[in-house]
Amino acid sequence: MLVLPHVALGNSSSLRFVWEQTRGNSWRLLFYSVLVYLPVGLMLGASQVIQAMSPAAGILFDTPIFVLTAMLTITYLSVAYREIIGLPAAAAPEAAEPA
């Protein structure tokens, strides 16, 4: 799951590396996946009810929900990668110097 942000950062190591790095975080990843996708699933269910009543209205509701799902997925994977594996030293933001 976290291979996508790993490759996006320009890393070319194997799936095995990411799998080993996420070992011990399965329950946490599952919990946050449910936390992210449960509201989306409820919205899609509501959209299906609307689409049963009016197909055009259902399509108008589906499109923003799918865009929201894509944004949430990208954000979720990026934050999970940062918290579990960490950013490479070159990509890590520098701390502000106290004045």
C-alpha atoms as a PDB file:
ATOM      1  CA  MET A   1       0.000   0.000   0.000  1.00  0.00           C
ATOM      2  CA  LEU A   2       2.778   2.410   0.861  1.00  0.00           C
ATOM      3  CA  VAL A   3       4.780   1.491  -2.230  1.00  0.00           C
ATOM      4  CA  LEU A   4       3.149   4.317  -4.209  1.00  0.00           C
ATOM      5  CA  PRO A   5       4.514   7.177  -2.043  1.00  0.00           C
ATOM      6  CA  HIS A   6       7.836   5.326  -1.822  1.00  0.00           C
ATOM      7  CA  VAL A   7       8.204   5.264  -5.605  1.00  0.00           C
ATOM      8  CA  ALA A   8       6.849   8.825  -5.916  1.00  0.00           C
ATOM      9  CA  LEU A   9       9.783  10.026  -3.816  1.00  0.00           C
ATOM     10  CA  GLY A  10      12.138   8.518  -6.366  1.00  0.00           C
ATOM     11  CA  ASN A  11      13.118   5.448  -4.352  1.00  0.00           C
ATOM     12  CA  SER A  12      13.705   2.342  -6.392  1.00  0.00           C
ATOM     13  CA  SER A  13      13.981  -0.260  -3.657  1.00  0.00           C
ATOM     14  CA  SER A  14      11.772  -3.300  -3.648  1.00  0.00           C
ATOM     15  CA  LEU A  15       8.328  -4.016  -2.333  1.00  0.00           C
ATOM     16  CA  ARG A  16      10.041  -6.155   0.301  1.00  0.00           C
ATOM     17  CA  PHE A  17      11.720  -3.070   1.820  1.00  0.00           C
ATOM     18  CA  VAL A  18       8.421  -1.240   2.235  1.00  0.00           C
ATOM     19  CA  TRP A  19       6.763  -4.410   3.562  1.00  0.00           C
ATOM     20  CA  GLU A  20       9.485  -4.789   6.206  1.00  0.00           C
ATOM     21  CA  GLN A  21       9.259  -1.124   7.191  1.00  0.00           C
ATOM     22  CA  THR A  22       5.517  -1.341   7.786  1.00  0.00           C
ATOM     23  CA  ARG A  23       5.748  -4.524   9.861  1.00  0.00           C
ATOM     24  CA  GLY A  24       3.917  -4.045  13.161  1.00  0.00           C
ATOM     25  CA  ASN A  25       1.662  -1.288  11.803  1.00  0.00           C
ATOM     26  CA  SER A  26      -1.054  -3.454  10.244  1.00  0.00           C
ATOM     27  CA  TRP A  27      -3.739  -2.635  12.796  1.00  0.00           C
ATOM     28  CA  ARG A  28      -2.955   1.067  12.696  1.00  0.00           C
ATOM     29  CA  LEU A  29      -3.119   1.098   8.887  1.00  0.00           C
ATOM     30  CA  LEU A  30      -6.380  -0.855   8.961  1.00  0.00           C
ATOM     31  CA  PHE A  31      -7.909   1.546  11.518  1.00  0.00           C
ATOM     32  CA  TYR A  32      -6.975   4.636   9.515  1.00  0.00           C
ATOM     33  CA  SER A  33      -8.179   3.015   6.278  1.00  0.00           C
ATOM     34  CA  VAL A  34     -11.581   2.416   7.868  1.00  0.00           C
ATOM     35  CA  LEU A  35     -11.553   5.939   9.290  1.00  0.00           C
ATOM     36  CA  VAL A  36     -10.891   7.413   5.829  1.00  0.00           C
ATOM     37  CA  TYR A  37     -13.098   5.154   3.714  1.00  0.00           C
ATOM     38  CA  LEU A  38     -16.145   4.672   5.955  1.00  0.00           C
ATOM     39  CA  PRO A  39     -17.503   8.209   5.391  1.00  0.00           C
ATOM     40  CA  VAL A  40     -16.790   7.858   1.664  1.00  0.00           C
ATOM     41  CA  GLY A  41     -18.683   4.563   1.605  1.00  0.00           C
ATOM     42  CA  LEU A  42     -21.633   6.172   3.348  1.00  0.00           C
ATOM     43  CA  MET A  43     -21.624   9.014   0.831  1.00  0.00           C
ATOM     44  CA  LEU A  44     -21.477   6.545  -2.063  1.00  0.00           C
ATOM     45  CA  GLY A  45     -24.393   4.620  -0.548  1.00  0.00           C
ATOM     46  CA  ALA A  46     -26.416   7.808  -0.326  1.00  0.00           C
ATOM     47  CA  SER A  47     -25.443   8.587  -3.906  1.00  0.00           C
ATOM     48  CA  GLN A  48     -26.740   5.204  -5.035  1.00  0.00           C
ATOM     49  CA  VAL A  49     -30.093   5.927  -3.383  1.00  0.00           C
ATOM     50  CA  ILE A  50     -30.220   9.288  -5.154  1.00  0.00           C
ATOM     51  CA  GLN A  51     -29.229   7.646  -8.438  1.00  0.00           C
ATOM     52  CA  ALA A  52     -32.061   5.132  -8.085  1.00  0.00           C
ATOM     53  CA  MET A  53     -34.487   8.048  -7.906  1.00  0.00           C
ATOM     54  CA  SER A  54     -32.821  10.179 -10.589  1.00  0.00           C
ATOM     55  CA  PRO A  55     -29.891   8.817 -12.639  1.00  0.00           C
ATOM     56  CA  ALA A  56     -28.691  12.278 -13.685  1.00  0.00           C
ATOM     57  CA  ALA A  57     -28.626  13.541 -10.090  1.00  0.00           C
ATOM     58  CA  GLY A  58     -26.782  10.414  -8.972  1.00  0.00           C
ATOM     59  CA  ILE A  59     -24.055  10.969 -11.547  1.00  0.00           C
ATOM     60  CA  LEU A  60     -23.696  14.580 -10.399  1.00  0.00           C
ATOM     61  CA  PHE A  61     -23.166  13.354  -6.832  1.00  0.00           C
ATOM     62  CA  ASP A  62     -20.803  10.501  -7.799  1.00  0.00           C
ATOM     63  CA  THR A  63     -18.192  12.641  -9.531  1.00  0.00           C
ATOM     64  CA  PRO A  64     -17.311  14.879  -6.547  1.00  0.00           C
ATOM     65  CA  ILE A  65     -17.313  11.832  -4.273  1.00  0.00           C
ATOM     66  CA  PHE A  66     -14.802  10.047  -6.492  1.00  0.00           C
ATOM     67  CA  VAL A  67     -12.593  13.158  -6.615  1.00  0.00           C
ATOM     68  CA  LEU A  68     -12.790  13.418  -2.821  1.00  0.00           C
ATOM     69  CA  THR A  69     -11.898   9.731  -2.522  1.00  0.00           C
ATOM     70  CA  ALA A  70      -8.810  10.224  -4.692  1.00  0.00           C
ATOM     71  CA  MET A  71      -7.682  13.228  -2.636  1.00  0.00           C
ATOM     72  CA  LEU A  72      -8.232  11.391   0.654  1.00  0.00           C
ATOM     73  CA  THR A  73      -6.380   8.328  -0.608  1.00  0.00           C
ATOM     74  CA  ILE A  74      -3.350  10.330  -1.717  1.00  0.00           C
ATOM     75  CA  THR A  75      -3.298  12.252   1.563  1.00  0.00           C
ATOM     76  CA  TYR A  76      -3.744   9.097   3.644  1.00  0.00           C
ATOM     77  CA  LEU A  77      -0.949   7.229   1.882  1.00  0.00           C
ATOM     78  CA  SER A  78       1.409  10.218   2.061  1.00  0.00           C
ATOM     79  CA  VAL A  79       0.870  10.819   5.770  1.00  0.00           C
ATOM     80  CA  ALA A  80       1.087   7.107   6.581  1.00  0.00           C
ATOM     81  CA  TYR A  81       4.360   6.857   4.653  1.00  0.00           C
ATOM     82  CA  ARG A  82       5.799   9.894   6.405  1.00  0.00           C
ATOM     83  CA  GLU A  83       4.814   8.640   9.858  1.00  0.00           C
ATOM     84  CA  ILE A  84       5.868   5.016   9.418  1.00  0.00           C
ATOM     85  CA  ILE A  85       8.867   5.116   7.084  1.00  0.00           C
ATOM     86  CA  GLY A  86       9.858   8.781   7.238  1.00  0.00           C
ATOM     87  CA  LEU A  87      11.040  11.155   4.577  1.00  0.00           C
ATOM     88  CA  PRO A  88      14.510  10.958   3.059  1.00  0.00           C
ATOM     89  CA  ALA A  89      16.972  13.454   4.504  1.00  0.00           C
ATOM     90  CA  ALA A  90      16.927  15.531   1.318  1.00  0.00           C
ATOM     91  CA  ALA A  91      13.114  15.789   1.348  1.00  0.00           C
ATOM     92  CA  ALA A  92      12.685  16.482   5.058  1.00  0.00           C
ATOM     93  CA  PRO A  93      11.674  20.077   5.814  1.00  0.00           C
ATOM     94  CA  GLU A  94      14.118  22.083   7.858  1.00  0.00           C
ATOM     95  CA  ALA A  95      13.112  23.361  11.261  1.00  0.00           C
ATOM     96  CA  ALA A  96      12.809  27.098  11.725  1.00  0.00           C
ATOM     97  CA  GLU A  97      15.602  28.691  13.672  1.00  0.00           C
ATOM     98  CA  PRO A  98      14.505  30.429  16.883  1.00  0.00           C
ATOM     99  CA  ALA A  99      14.892  34.186  16.750  1.00  0.00           C
END
